[in-house]
């Protein structure tokens, strides 16, 4: 249990750092009145998409760790959190197409869709 929780903690920390770091870089550019670069947009889009996926994975891991108690509302809100994590991953910004579009831009310096 301790190792599982520690792994979840570092995965959450890494995802959170990526989101905050990419947003800080974007903010610094905007405050400096520089045009928002595609590199900044891609980094934010990828960090955000990864955070959605990591969040779902962490909740699922802890749900499994808690076991049968996960489904009892009086003991834990895990069942709701699990459903919510799957629901939020259905949002457009969490879709795999974001990763594909970012990869297309990174390879070709353009994308068929302006996702960012």
PDB file of N, CA and C in Angstrom:
ATOM      1  N   UNK A   1       0.825  -1.179   0.000  1.00  0.00           N
ATOM      2  CA  UNK A   1       0.000   0.000   0.000  1.00  0.00           C
ATOM      3  C   UNK A   1       0.880   1.259   0.000  1.00  0.00           C
ATOM      4  N   UNK A   2       1.925   1.238   0.786  1.00  0.00           N
ATOM      5  CA  UNK A   2       2.794   2.408   0.882  1.00  0.00           C
ATOM      6  C   UNK A   2       3.465   2.720  -0.452  1.00  0.00           C
ATOM      7  N   UNK A   3       3.941   1.694  -1.119  1.00  0.00           N
ATOM      8  CA  UNK A   3       4.606   1.895  -2.415  1.00  0.00           C
ATOM      9  C   UNK A   3       3.619   2.405  -3.460  1.00  0.00           C
ATOM     10  N   UNK A   4       2.399   1.869  -3.455  1.00  0.00           N
ATOM     11  CA  UNK A   4       1.375   2.309  -4.412  1.00  0.00           C
ATOM     12  C   UNK A   4       1.056   3.781  -4.185  1.00  0.00           C
ATOM     13  N   UNK A   5       0.861   4.154  -2.933  1.00  0.00           N
ATOM     14  CA  UNK A   5       0.562   5.564  -2.632  1.00  0.00           C
ATOM     15  C   UNK A   5       1.723   6.475  -3.005  1.00  0.00           C
ATOM     16  N   UNK A   6       2.941   6.028  -2.770  1.00  0.00           N
ATOM     17  CA  UNK A   6       4.111   6.838  -3.129  1.00  0.00           C
ATOM     18  C   UNK A   6       4.194   7.028  -4.639  1.00  0.00           C
ATOM     19  N   UNK A   7       3.924   5.956  -5.398  1.00  0.00           N
ATOM     20  CA  UNK A   7       3.938   6.073  -6.867  1.00  0.00           C
ATOM     21  C   UNK A   7       2.849   7.031  -7.351  1.00  0.00           C
ATOM     22  N   UNK A   8       1.681   6.929  -6.760  1.00  0.00           N
ATOM     23  CA  UNK A   8       0.585   7.835  -7.123  1.00  0.00           C
ATOM     24  C   UNK A   8       0.970   9.279  -6.818  1.00  0.00           C
ATOM     25  N   UNK A   9       1.596   9.489  -5.695  1.00  0.00           N
ATOM     26  CA  UNK A   9       2.001  10.842  -5.297  1.00  0.00           C
ATOM     27  C   UNK A   9       2.984  11.446  -6.296  1.00  0.00           C
ATOM     28  N   UNK A  10       3.986  10.688  -6.726  1.00  0.00           N
ATOM     29  CA  UNK A  10       4.972  11.236  -7.659  1.00  0.00           C
ATOM     30  C   UNK A  10       4.366  11.427  -9.048  1.00  0.00           C
ATOM     31  N   UNK A  11       3.442  10.563  -9.428  1.00  0.00           N
ATOM     32  CA  UNK A  11       2.763  10.749 -10.716  1.00  0.00           C
ATOM     33  C   UNK A  11       1.914  12.020 -10.699  1.00  0.00           C
ATOM     34  N   UNK A  12       1.204  12.238  -9.603  1.00  0.00           N
ATOM     35  CA  UNK A  12       0.413  13.463  -9.466  1.00  0.00           C
ATOM     36  C   UNK A  12       1.311  14.688  -9.443  1.00  0.00           C
ATOM     37  N   UNK A  13       2.389  14.617  -8.689  1.00  0.00           N
ATOM     38  CA  UNK A  13       3.330  15.737  -8.598  1.00  0.00           C
ATOM     39  C   UNK A  13       3.908  16.069  -9.977  1.00  0.00           C
ATOM     40  N   UNK A  14       4.291  15.054 -10.715  1.00  0.00           N
ATOM     41  CA  UNK A  14       4.872  15.276 -12.048  1.00  0.00           C
ATOM     42  C   UNK A  14       3.863  15.910 -13.005  1.00  0.00           C
ATOM     43  N   UNK A  15       2.643  15.396 -12.989  1.00  0.00           N
ATOM     44  CA  UNK A  15       1.607  15.959 -13.862  1.00  0.00           C
ATOM     45  C   UNK A  15       1.308  17.400 -13.473  1.00  0.00           C
ATOM     46  N   UNK A  16       1.188  17.661 -12.178  1.00  0.00           N
ATOM     47  CA  UNK A  16       0.912  19.018 -11.699  1.00  0.00           C
ATOM     48  C   UNK A  16       2.042  19.974 -12.086  1.00  0.00           C
ATOM     49  N   UNK A  17       3.284  19.518 -11.922  1.00  0.00           N
ATOM     50  CA  UNK A  17       4.429  20.364 -12.288  1.00  0.00           C
ATOM     51  C   UNK A  17       4.424  20.699 -13.777  1.00  0.00           C
ATOM     52  N   UNK A  18       4.091  19.729 -14.603  1.00  0.00           N
ATOM     53  CA  UNK A  18       4.053  19.967 -16.045  1.00  0.00           C
ATOM     54  C   UNK A  18       2.988  20.997 -16.402  1.00  0.00           C
ATOM     55  N   UNK A  19       1.818  20.893 -15.778  1.00  0.00           N
ATOM     56  CA  UNK A  19       0.742  21.853 -16.069  1.00  0.00           C
ATOM     57  C   UNK A  19       1.149  23.249 -15.613  1.00  0.00           C
ATOM     58  N   UNK A  20       1.598  23.373 -14.369  1.00  0.00           N
ATOM     59  CA  UNK A  20       1.958  24.693 -13.850  1.00  0.00           C
ATOM     60  C   UNK A  20       3.140  25.300 -14.600  1.00  0.00           C
ATOM     61  N   UNK A  21       4.125  24.472 -14.910  1.00  0.00           N
ATOM     62  CA  UNK A  21       5.293  24.969 -15.633  1.00  0.00           C
ATOM     63  C   UNK A  21       4.907  25.479 -17.023  1.00  0.00           C
ATOM     64  N   UNK A  22       4.099  24.722 -17.744  1.00  0.00           N
ATOM     65  CA  UNK A  22       3.702  25.140 -19.093  1.00  0.00           C
ATOM     66  C   UNK A  22       2.846  26.411 -19.039  1.00  0.00           C
ATOM     67  N   UNK A  23       1.966  26.504 -18.056  1.00  0.00           N
ATOM     68  CA  UNK A  23       1.143  27.709 -17.921  1.00  0.00           C
ATOM     69  C   UNK A  23       1.980  28.920 -17.514  1.00  0.00           C
ATOM     70  N   UNK A  24       2.969  28.709 -16.644  1.00  0.00           N
ATOM     71  CA  UNK A  24       3.855  29.817 -16.254  1.00  0.00           C
ATOM     72  C   UNK A  24       4.647  30.339 -17.442  1.00  0.00           C
ATOM     73  N   UNK A  25       5.143  29.427 -18.280  1.00  0.00           N
ATOM     74  CA  UNK A  25       5.870  29.850 -19.475  1.00  0.00           C
ATOM     75  C   UNK A  25       4.960  30.637 -20.411  1.00  0.00           C
ATOM     76  N   UNK A  26       3.737  30.156 -20.569  1.00  0.00           N
ATOM     77  CA  UNK A  26       2.772  30.846 -21.417  1.00  0.00           C
ATOM     78  C   UNK A  26       2.458  32.224 -20.834  1.00  0.00           C
ATOM     79  N   UNK A  27       2.236  32.276 -19.531  1.00  0.00           N
ATOM     80  CA  UNK A  27       1.923  33.542 -18.862  1.00  0.00           C
ATOM     81  C   UNK A  27       3.072  34.544 -19.007  1.00  0.00           C
ATOM     82  N   UNK A  28       4.297  34.073 -18.796  1.00  0.00           N
ATOM     83  CA  UNK A  28       5.461  34.955 -18.926  1.00  0.00           C
ATOM     84  C   UNK A  28       5.538  35.565 -20.321  1.00  0.00           C
ATOM     85  N   UNK A  29       5.234  34.781 -21.324  1.00  0.00           N
ATOM     86  CA  UNK A  29       5.214  35.301 -22.689  1.00  0.00           C
ATOM     87  C   UNK A  29       4.128  36.333 -22.885  1.00  0.00           C
ATOM     88  N   UNK A  30       2.950  36.071 -22.345  1.00  0.00           N
ATOM     89  CA  UNK A  30       1.834  36.998 -22.501  1.00  0.00           C
ATOM     90  C   UNK A  30       2.072  38.297 -21.737  1.00  0.00           C
ATOM     91  N   UNK A  31       2.638  38.199 -20.545  1.00  0.00           N
ATOM     92  CA  UNK A  31       2.937  39.398 -19.752  1.00  0.00           C
ATOM     93  C   UNK A  31       3.982  40.241 -20.465  1.00  0.00           C
ATOM     94  N   UNK A  32       4.911  39.579 -21.140  1.00  0.00           N
ATOM     95  CA  UNK A  32       5.932  40.277 -21.909  1.00  0.00           C
ATOM     96  C   UNK A  32       5.409  40.795 -23.231  1.00  0.00           C
ATOM     97  N   UNK A  33       4.108  40.630 -23.450  1.00  0.00           N
ATOM     98  CA  UNK A  33       3.423  41.088 -24.659  1.00  0.00           C
ATOM     99  C   UNK A  33       3.984  40.458 -25.925  1.00  0.00           C
ATOM    100  N   UNK A  34       4.468  39.237 -25.766  1.00  0.00           N
ATOM    101  CA  UNK A  34       4.931  38.483 -26.925  1.00  0.00           C
ATOM    102  C   UNK A  34       3.760  37.676 -27.470  1.00  0.00           C
ATOM    103  N   UNK A  35       3.741  37.454 -28.763  1.00  0.00           N
ATOM    104  CA  UNK A  35       2.680  36.587 -29.291  1.00  0.00           C
ATOM    105  C   UNK A  35       2.825  35.187 -28.698  1.00  0.00           C
ATOM    106  N   UNK A  36       1.704  34.551 -28.490  1.00  0.00           N
ATOM    107  CA  UNK A  36       1.704  33.198 -27.943  1.00  0.00           C
ATOM    108  C   UNK A  36       2.274  32.248 -28.989  1.00  0.00           C
ATOM    109  N   UNK A  37       3.376  31.606 -28.649  1.00  0.00           N
ATOM    110  CA  UNK A  37       4.019  30.726 -29.626  1.00  0.00           C
ATOM    111  C   UNK A  37       3.304  29.382 -29.694  1.00  0.00           C
ATOM    112  N   UNK A  38       3.459  28.734 -30.831  1.00  0.00           N
ATOM    113  CA  UNK A  38       2.895  27.399 -30.988  1.00  0.00           C
ATOM    114  C   UNK A  38       3.540  26.412 -30.025  1.00  0.00           C
ATOM    115  N   UNK A  39       4.818  26.605 -29.728  1.00  0.00           N
ATOM    116  CA  UNK A  39       5.501  25.734 -28.770  1.00  0.00           C
ATOM    117  C   UNK A  39       4.835  25.831 -27.398  1.00  0.00           C
ATOM    118  N   UNK A  40       4.495  27.047 -26.982  1.00  0.00           N
ATOM    119  CA  UNK A  40       3.803  27.218 -25.702  1.00  0.00           C
ATOM    120  C   UNK A  40       2.423  26.558 -25.739  1.00  0.00           C
ATOM    121  N   UNK A  41       1.724  26.729 -26.819  1.00  0.00           N
ATOM    122  CA  UNK A  41       0.389  26.136 -26.941  1.00  0.00           C
ATOM    123  C   UNK A  41       0.454  24.608 -26.903  1.00  0.00           C
ATOM    124  N   UNK A  42       1.425  24.046 -27.589  1.00  0.00           N
ATOM    125  CA  UNK A  42       1.579  22.596 -27.618  1.00  0.00           C
ATOM    126  C   UNK A  42       1.921  22.065 -26.226  1.00  0.00           C
ATOM    127  N   UNK A  43       2.843  22.727 -25.560  1.00  0.00           N
ATOM    128  CA  UNK A  43       3.241  22.278 -24.227  1.00  0.00           C
ATOM    129  C   UNK A  43       2.063  22.293 -23.264  1.00  0.00           C
ATOM    130  N   UNK A  44       1.271  23.355 -23.296  1.00  0.00           N
ATOM    131  CA  UNK A  44       0.092  23.438 -22.422  1.00  0.00           C
ATOM    132  C   UNK A  44      -0.917  22.347 -22.777  1.00  0.00           C
ATOM    133  N   UNK A  45      -1.167  22.150 -24.062  1.00  0.00           N
ATOM    134  CA  UNK A  45      -2.139  21.143 -24.491  1.00  0.00           C
ATOM    135  C   UNK A  45      -1.704  19.741 -24.072  1.00  0.00           C
ATOM    136  N   UNK A  46      -0.439  19.418 -24.249  1.00  0.00           N
ATOM    137  CA  UNK A  46       0.053  18.092 -23.880  1.00  0.00           C
ATOM    138  C   UNK A  46       0.066  17.894 -22.365  1.00  0.00           C
ATOM    139  N   UNK A  47       0.485  18.919 -21.631  1.00  0.00           N
ATOM    140  CA  UNK A  47       0.508  18.816 -20.171  1.00  0.00           C
ATOM    141  C   UNK A  47      -0.905  18.631 -19.624  1.00  0.00           C
ATOM    142  N   UNK A  48      -1.832  19.360 -20.177  1.00  0.00           N
ATOM    143  CA  UNK A  48      -3.231  19.266 -19.736  1.00  0.00           C
ATOM    144  C   UNK A  48      -3.793  17.878 -20.045  1.00  0.00           C
ATOM    145  N   UNK A  49      -3.560  17.386 -21.239  1.00  0.00           N
ATOM    146  CA  UNK A  49      -4.071  16.074 -21.627  1.00  0.00           C
ATOM    147  C   UNK A  49      -3.456  14.988 -20.748  1.00  0.00           C
ATOM    148  N   UNK A  50      -2.175  15.087 -20.481  1.00  0.00           N
ATOM    149  CA  UNK A  50      -1.505  14.112 -19.618  1.00  0.00           C
ATOM    150  C   UNK A  50      -2.045  14.163 -18.195  1.00  0.00           C
ATOM    151  N   UNK A  51      -2.339  15.356 -17.701  1.00  0.00           N
ATOM    152  CA  UNK A  51      -2.885  15.493 -16.351  1.00  0.00           C
ATOM    153  C   UNK A  51      -4.243  14.803 -16.227  1.00  0.00           C
ATOM    154  N   UNK A  52      -5.071  14.919 -17.243  1.00  0.00           N
ATOM    155  CA  UNK A  52      -6.356  14.220 -17.245  1.00  0.00           C
ATOM    156  C   UNK A  52      -6.144  12.706 -17.140  1.00  0.00           C
ATOM    157  N   UNK A  53      -5.255  12.183 -17.957  1.00  0.00           N
ATOM    158  CA  UNK A  53      -5.018  10.737 -17.985  1.00  0.00           C
ATOM    159  C   UNK A  53      -4.397  10.244 -16.681  1.00  0.00           C
ATOM    160  N   UNK A  54      -3.428  10.966 -16.170  1.00  0.00           N
ATOM    161  CA  UNK A  54      -2.774  10.583 -14.921  1.00  0.00           C
ATOM    162  C   UNK A  54      -3.767  10.620 -13.765  1.00  0.00           C
ATOM    163  N   UNK A  55      -4.611  11.626 -13.739  1.00  0.00           N
ATOM    164  CA  UNK A  55      -5.615  11.715 -12.670  1.00  0.00           C
ATOM    165  C   UNK A  55      -6.519  10.499 -12.670  1.00  0.00           C
ATOM    166  N   UNK A  56      -6.975  10.115 -13.842  1.00  0.00           N
ATOM    167  CA  UNK A  56      -7.840   8.940 -13.936  1.00  0.00           C
ATOM    168  C   UNK A  56      -7.105   7.680 -13.487  1.00  0.00           C
ATOM    169  N   UNK A  57      -5.861   7.551 -13.885  1.00  0.00           N
ATOM    170  CA  UNK A  57      -5.079   6.374 -13.521  1.00  0.00           C
ATOM    171  C   UNK A  57      -4.851   6.310 -12.012  1.00  0.00           C
ATOM    172  N   UNK A  58      -4.552   7.435 -11.403  1.00  0.00           N
ATOM    173  CA  UNK A  58      -4.330   7.467  -9.954  1.00  0.00           C
ATOM    174  C   UNK A  58      -5.602   7.085  -9.204  1.00  0.00           C
ATOM    175  N   UNK A  59      -6.709   7.663  -9.597  1.00  0.00           N
ATOM    176  CA  UNK A  59      -7.978   7.354  -8.924  1.00  0.00           C
ATOM    177  C   UNK A  59      -8.315   5.877  -9.094  1.00  0.00           C
ATOM    178  N   UNK A  60      -8.110   5.341 -10.279  1.00  0.00           N
ATOM    179  CA  UNK A  60      -8.378   3.931 -10.525  1.00  0.00           C
ATOM    180  C   UNK A  60      -7.482   3.041  -9.674  1.00  0.00           C
ATOM    181  N   UNK A  61      -6.224   3.408  -9.550  1.00  0.00           N
ATOM    182  CA  UNK A  61      -5.280   2.640  -8.734  1.00  0.00           C
ATOM    183  C   UNK A  61      -5.697   2.638  -7.268  1.00  0.00           C
ATOM    184  N   UNK A  62      -6.059   3.801  -6.761  1.00  0.00           N
ATOM    185  CA  UNK A  62      -6.472   3.891  -5.354  1.00  0.00           C
ATOM    186  C   UNK A  62      -7.810   3.188  -5.148  1.00  0.00           C
ATOM    187  N   UNK A  63      -8.689   3.278  -6.121  1.00  0.00           N
ATOM    188  CA  UNK A  63      -9.976   2.574  -6.063  1.00  0.00           C
ATOM    189  C   UNK A  63      -9.737   1.075  -5.890  1.00  0.00           C
ATOM    190  N   UNK A  64      -8.831   0.528  -6.685  1.00  0.00           N
ATOM    191  CA  UNK A  64      -8.501  -0.889  -6.575  1.00  0.00           C
ATOM    192  C   UNK A  64      -7.841  -1.204  -5.237  1.00  0.00           C
ATOM    193  N   UNK A  65      -7.016  -0.304  -4.759  1.00  0.00           N
ATOM    194  CA  UNK A  65      -6.328  -0.498  -3.486  1.00  0.00           C
ATOM    195  C   UNK A  65      -7.315  -0.547  -2.319  1.00  0.00           C
ATOM    196  N   UNK A  66      -8.315   0.309  -2.356  1.00  0.00           N
ATOM    197  CA  UNK A  66      -9.315   0.358  -1.290  1.00  0.00           C
ATOM    198  C   UNK A  66     -10.208  -0.879  -1.328  1.00  0.00           C
ATOM    199  N   UNK A  67     -10.397  -1.449  -2.505  1.00  0.00           N
ATOM    200  CA  UNK A  67     -11.179  -2.671  -2.631  1.00  0.00           C
ATOM    201  C   UNK A  67     -12.665  -2.437  -2.511  1.00  0.00           C
ATOM    202  N   UNK A  68     -13.362  -3.376  -1.908  1.00  0.00           N
ATOM    203  CA  UNK A  68     -14.814  -3.337  -1.808  1.00  0.00           C
ATOM    204  C   UNK A  68     -15.349  -2.098  -1.116  1.00  0.00           C
ATOM    205  N   UNK A  69     -14.579  -1.527  -0.217  1.00  0.00           N
ATOM    206  CA  UNK A  69     -15.028  -0.315   0.482  1.00  0.00           C
ATOM    207  C   UNK A  69     -15.200   0.861  -0.471  1.00  0.00           C
ATOM    208  N   UNK A  70     -14.641   0.764  -1.666  1.00  0.00           N
ATOM    209  CA  UNK A  70     -14.751   1.844  -2.654  1.00  0.00           C
ATOM    210  C   UNK A  70     -16.184   2.136  -3.057  1.00  0.00           C
ATOM    211  N   UNK A  71     -17.054   1.140  -2.947  1.00  0.00           N
ATOM    212  CA  UNK A  71     -18.412   1.310  -3.468  1.00  0.00           C
ATOM    213  C   UNK A  71     -19.421   1.768  -2.426  1.00  0.00           C
ATOM    214  N   UNK A  72     -18.999   1.880  -1.176  1.00  0.00           N
ATOM    215  CA  UNK A  72     -19.929   2.278  -0.124  1.00  0.00           C
ATOM    216  C   UNK A  72     -19.804   3.766   0.170  1.00  0.00           C
ATOM    217  N   UNK A  73     -20.871   4.514  -0.081  1.00  0.00           N
ATOM    218  CA  UNK A  73     -20.849   5.966   0.059  1.00  0.00           C
ATOM    219  C   UNK A  73     -20.519   6.417   1.477  1.00  0.00           C
ATOM    220  N   UNK A  74     -20.924   5.647   2.471  1.00  0.00           N
ATOM    221  CA  UNK A  74     -20.677   6.049   3.850  1.00  0.00           C
ATOM    222  C   UNK A  74     -19.206   5.967   4.225  1.00  0.00           C
ATOM    223  N   UNK A  75     -18.458   5.140   3.521  1.00  0.00           N
ATOM    224  CA  UNK A  75     -17.058   4.935   3.864  1.00  0.00           C
ATOM    225  C   UNK A  75     -16.102   5.799   3.033  1.00  0.00           C
ATOM    226  N   UNK A  76     -16.421   6.002   1.775  1.00  0.00           N
ATOM    227  CA  UNK A  76     -15.492   6.701   0.892  1.00  0.00           C
ATOM    228  C   UNK A  76     -16.221   7.284  -0.324  1.00  0.00           C
ATOM    229  N   UNK A  77     -15.746   8.414  -0.831  1.00  0.00           N
ATOM    230  CA  UNK A  77     -16.322   8.977  -2.071  1.00  0.00           C
ATOM    231  C   UNK A  77     -15.651   8.418  -3.335  1.00  0.00           C
ATOM    232  N   UNK A  78     -14.903   7.317  -3.202  1.00  0.00           N
ATOM    233  CA  UNK A  78     -14.124   6.791  -4.327  1.00  0.00           C
ATOM    234  C   UNK A  78     -14.962   6.451  -5.550  1.00  0.00           C
ATOM    235  N   UNK A  79     -16.146   5.899  -5.352  1.00  0.00           N
ATOM    236  CA  UNK A  79     -16.985   5.521  -6.487  1.00  0.00           C
ATOM    237  C   UNK A  79     -17.329   6.737  -7.339  1.00  0.00           C
ATOM    238  N   UNK A  80     -17.688   7.825  -6.693  1.00  0.00           N
ATOM    239  CA  UNK A  80     -17.996   9.077  -7.413  1.00  0.00           C
ATOM    240  C   UNK A  80     -16.745   9.614  -8.101  1.00  0.00           C
ATOM    241  N   UNK A  81     -15.623   9.593  -7.403  1.00  0.00           N
ATOM    242  CA  UNK A  81     -14.385  10.096  -7.990  1.00  0.00           C
ATOM    243  C   UNK A  81     -14.001   9.293  -9.222  1.00  0.00           C
ATOM    244  N   UNK A  82     -14.187   7.986  -9.164  1.00  0.00           N
ATOM    245  CA  UNK A  82     -13.853   7.153 -10.317  1.00  0.00           C
ATOM    246  C   UNK A  82     -14.733   7.514 -11.509  1.00  0.00           C
ATOM    247  N   UNK A  83     -16.034   7.621 -11.281  1.00  0.00           N
ATOM    248  CA  UNK A  83     -16.948   8.008 -12.372  1.00  0.00           C
ATOM    249  C   UNK A  83     -16.586   9.391 -12.913  1.00  0.00           C
ATOM    250  N   UNK A  84     -16.326  10.333 -12.015  1.00  0.00           N
ATOM    251  CA  UNK A  84     -15.973  11.684 -12.446  1.00  0.00           C
ATOM    252  C   UNK A  84     -14.690  11.698 -13.278  1.00  0.00           C
ATOM    253  N   UNK A  85     -13.719  10.886 -12.886  1.00  0.00           N
ATOM    254  CA  UNK A  85     -12.450  10.869 -13.631  1.00  0.00           C
ATOM    255  C   UNK A  85     -12.644  10.315 -15.037  1.00  0.00           C
ATOM    256  N   UNK A  86     -13.512   9.335 -15.186  1.00  0.00           N
ATOM    257  CA  UNK A  86     -13.802   8.817 -16.521  1.00  0.00           C
ATOM    258  C   UNK A  86     -14.597   9.835 -17.341  1.00  0.00           C
ATOM    259  N   UNK A  87     -15.500  10.530 -16.688  1.00  0.00           N
ATOM    260  CA  UNK A  87     -16.295  11.554 -17.386  1.00  0.00           C
ATOM    261  C   UNK A  87     -15.404  12.688 -17.877  1.00  0.00           C
ATOM    262  N   UNK A  88     -14.511  13.181 -17.023  1.00  0.00           N
ATOM    263  CA  UNK A  88     -13.671  14.314 -17.428  1.00  0.00           C
ATOM    264  C   UNK A  88     -12.736  13.932 -18.572  1.00  0.00           C
ATOM    265  N   UNK A  89     -12.389  12.656 -18.669  1.00  0.00           N
ATOM    266  CA  UNK A  89     -11.520  12.225 -19.760  1.00  0.00           C
ATOM    267  C   UNK A  89     -12.244  12.117 -21.091  1.00  0.00           C
ATOM    268  N   UNK A  90     -13.551  12.321 -21.095  1.00  0.00           N
ATOM    269  CA  UNK A  90     -14.311  12.356 -22.339  1.00  0.00           C
ATOM    270  C   UNK A  90     -14.315  13.750 -22.959  1.00  0.00           C
ATOM    271  N   UNK A  91     -13.823  14.737 -22.224  1.00  0.00           N
ATOM    272  CA  UNK A  91     -13.786  16.109 -22.722  1.00  0.00           C
ATOM    273  C   UNK A  91     -12.812  16.212 -23.892  1.00  0.00           C
ATOM    274  N   UNK A  92     -13.079  17.130 -24.782  1.00  0.00           N
ATOM    275  CA  UNK A  92     -12.247  17.293 -25.984  1.00  0.00           C
ATOM    276  C   UNK A  92     -10.779  17.559 -25.659  1.00  0.00           C
ATOM    277  N   UNK A  93     -10.504  18.333 -24.611  1.00  0.00           N
ATOM    278  CA  UNK A  93      -9.102  18.654 -24.295  1.00  0.00           C
ATOM    279  C   UNK A  93      -8.347  17.460 -23.730  1.00  0.00           C
ATOM    280  N   UNK A  94      -9.060  16.383 -23.394  1.00  0.00           N
ATOM    281  CA  UNK A  94      -8.407  15.181 -22.877  1.00  0.00           C
ATOM    282  C   UNK A  94      -8.290  14.095 -23.937  1.00  0.00           C
ATOM    283  N   UNK A  95      -8.733  14.381 -25.131  1.00  0.00           N
ATOM    284  CA  UNK A  95      -8.787  13.350 -26.165  1.00  0.00           C
ATOM    285  C   UNK A  95      -7.409  13.027 -26.739  1.00  0.00           C
ATOM    286  N   UNK A  96      -7.309  11.821 -27.263  1.00  0.00           N
ATOM    287  CA  UNK A  96      -6.068  11.395 -27.905  1.00  0.00           C
ATOM    288  C   UNK A  96      -5.789  12.202 -29.174  1.00  0.00           C
ATOM    289  N   UNK A  97      -6.821  12.787 -29.757  1.00  0.00           N
ATOM    290  CA  UNK A  97      -6.602  13.583 -30.972  1.00  0.00           C
ATOM    291  C   UNK A  97      -5.727  14.796 -30.672  1.00  0.00           C
ATOM    292  N   UNK A  98      -5.756  15.275 -29.443  1.00  0.00           N
ATOM    293  CA  UNK A  98      -4.872  16.389 -29.056  1.00  0.00           C
ATOM    294  C   UNK A  98      -3.417  15.962 -29.201  1.00  0.00           C
ATOM    295  N   UNK A  99      -3.098  14.769 -28.720  1.00  0.00           N
ATOM    296  CA  UNK A  99      -1.725  14.263 -28.819  1.00  0.00           C
ATOM    297  C   UNK A  99      -1.335  14.090 -30.284  1.00  0.00           C
ATOM    298  N   UNK A 100      -2.244  13.541 -31.077  1.00  0.00           N
ATOM    299  CA  UNK A 100      -1.961  13.334 -32.502  1.00  0.00           C
ATOM    300  C   UNK A 100      -1.710  14.665 -33.199  1.00  0.00           C
ATOM    301  N   UNK A 101      -2.535  15.656 -32.906  1.00  0.00           N
ATOM    302  CA  UNK A 101      -2.380  16.966 -33.538  1.00  0.00           C
ATOM    303  C   UNK A 101      -1.083  17.643 -33.108  1.00  0.00           C
ATOM    304  N   UNK A 102      -0.731  17.503 -31.838  1.00  0.00           N
ATOM    305  CA  UNK A 102       0.536  18.071 -31.363  1.00  0.00           C
ATOM    306  C   UNK A 102       1.709  17.383 -32.047  1.00  0.00           C
ATOM    307  N   UNK A 103       1.634  16.068 -32.163  1.00  0.00           N
ATOM    308  CA  UNK A 103       2.690  15.334 -32.851  1.00  0.00           C
ATOM    309  C   UNK A 103       2.804  15.723 -34.311  1.00  0.00           C
ATOM    310  N   UNK A 104       1.667  15.924 -34.955  1.00  0.00           N
ATOM    311  CA  UNK A 104       1.671  16.356 -36.353  1.00  0.00           C
ATOM    312  C   UNK A 104       2.374  17.702 -36.480  1.00  0.00           C
ATOM    313  N   UNK A 105       2.075  18.614 -35.569  1.00  0.00           N
ATOM    314  CA  UNK A 105       2.721  19.920 -35.621  1.00  0.00           C
ATOM    315  C   UNK A 105       4.219  19.790 -35.362  1.00  0.00           C
ATOM    316  N   UNK A 106       4.595  18.987 -34.371  1.00  0.00           N
ATOM    317  CA  UNK A 106       6.015  18.829 -34.050  1.00  0.00           C
ATOM    318  C   UNK A 106       6.798  18.233 -35.220  1.00  0.00           C
ATOM    319  N   UNK A 107       6.178  17.340 -35.972  1.00  0.00           N
ATOM    320  CA  UNK A 107       6.861  16.731 -37.113  1.00  0.00           C
ATOM    321  C   UNK A 107       6.892  17.641 -38.331  1.00  0.00           C
ATOM    322  N   UNK A 108       5.810  18.375 -38.571  1.00  0.00           N
ATOM    323  CA  UNK A 108       5.670  19.118 -39.820  1.00  0.00           C
ATOM    324  C   UNK A 108       5.639  20.628 -39.658  1.00  0.00           C
ATOM    325  N   UNK A 109       5.682  21.102 -38.431  1.00  0.00           N
ATOM    326  CA  UNK A 109       5.567  22.531 -38.125  1.00  0.00           C
ATOM    327  C   UNK A 109       4.225  23.113 -38.571  1.00  0.00           C
ATOM    328  N   UNK A 110       3.232  22.244 -38.709  1.00  0.00           N
ATOM    329  CA  UNK A 110       1.856  22.685 -38.951  1.00  0.00           C
ATOM    330  C   UNK A 110       0.910  21.553 -38.574  1.00  0.00           C
ATOM    331  N   UNK A 111      -0.336  21.906 -38.408  1.00  0.00           N
ATOM    332  CA  UNK A 111      -1.353  20.917 -38.075  1.00  0.00           C
ATOM    333  C   UNK A 111      -2.581  21.176 -38.928  1.00  0.00           C
ATOM    334  N   UNK A 112      -3.319  20.129 -39.248  1.00  0.00           N
ATOM    335  CA  UNK A 112      -4.547  20.292 -40.028  1.00  0.00           C
ATOM    336  C   UNK A 112      -5.628  21.019 -39.237  1.00  0.00           C
ATOM    337  N   UNK A 113      -5.553  20.923 -37.917  1.00  0.00           N
ATOM    338  CA  UNK A 113      -6.502  21.598 -37.036  1.00  0.00           C
ATOM    339  C   UNK A 113      -5.741  22.533 -36.105  1.00  0.00           C
ATOM    340  N   UNK A 114      -6.295  23.693 -35.893  1.00  0.00           N
ATOM    341  CA  UNK A 114      -5.681  24.586 -34.930  1.00  0.00           C
ATOM    342  C   UNK A 114      -6.279  24.253 -33.570  1.00  0.00           C
ATOM    343  N   UNK A 115      -5.684  23.275 -32.915  1.00  0.00           N
ATOM    344  CA  UNK A 115      -6.164  22.751 -31.645  1.00  0.00           C
ATOM    345  C   UNK A 115      -5.691  23.575 -30.478  1.00  0.00           C
ATOM    346  N   UNK A 116      -4.679  24.326 -30.704  1.00  0.00           N
ATOM    347  CA  UNK A 116      -4.002  24.993 -29.603  1.00  0.00           C
ATOM    348  C   UNK A 116      -4.228  26.485 -29.635  1.00  0.00           C
TER     349      UNK A 116
END
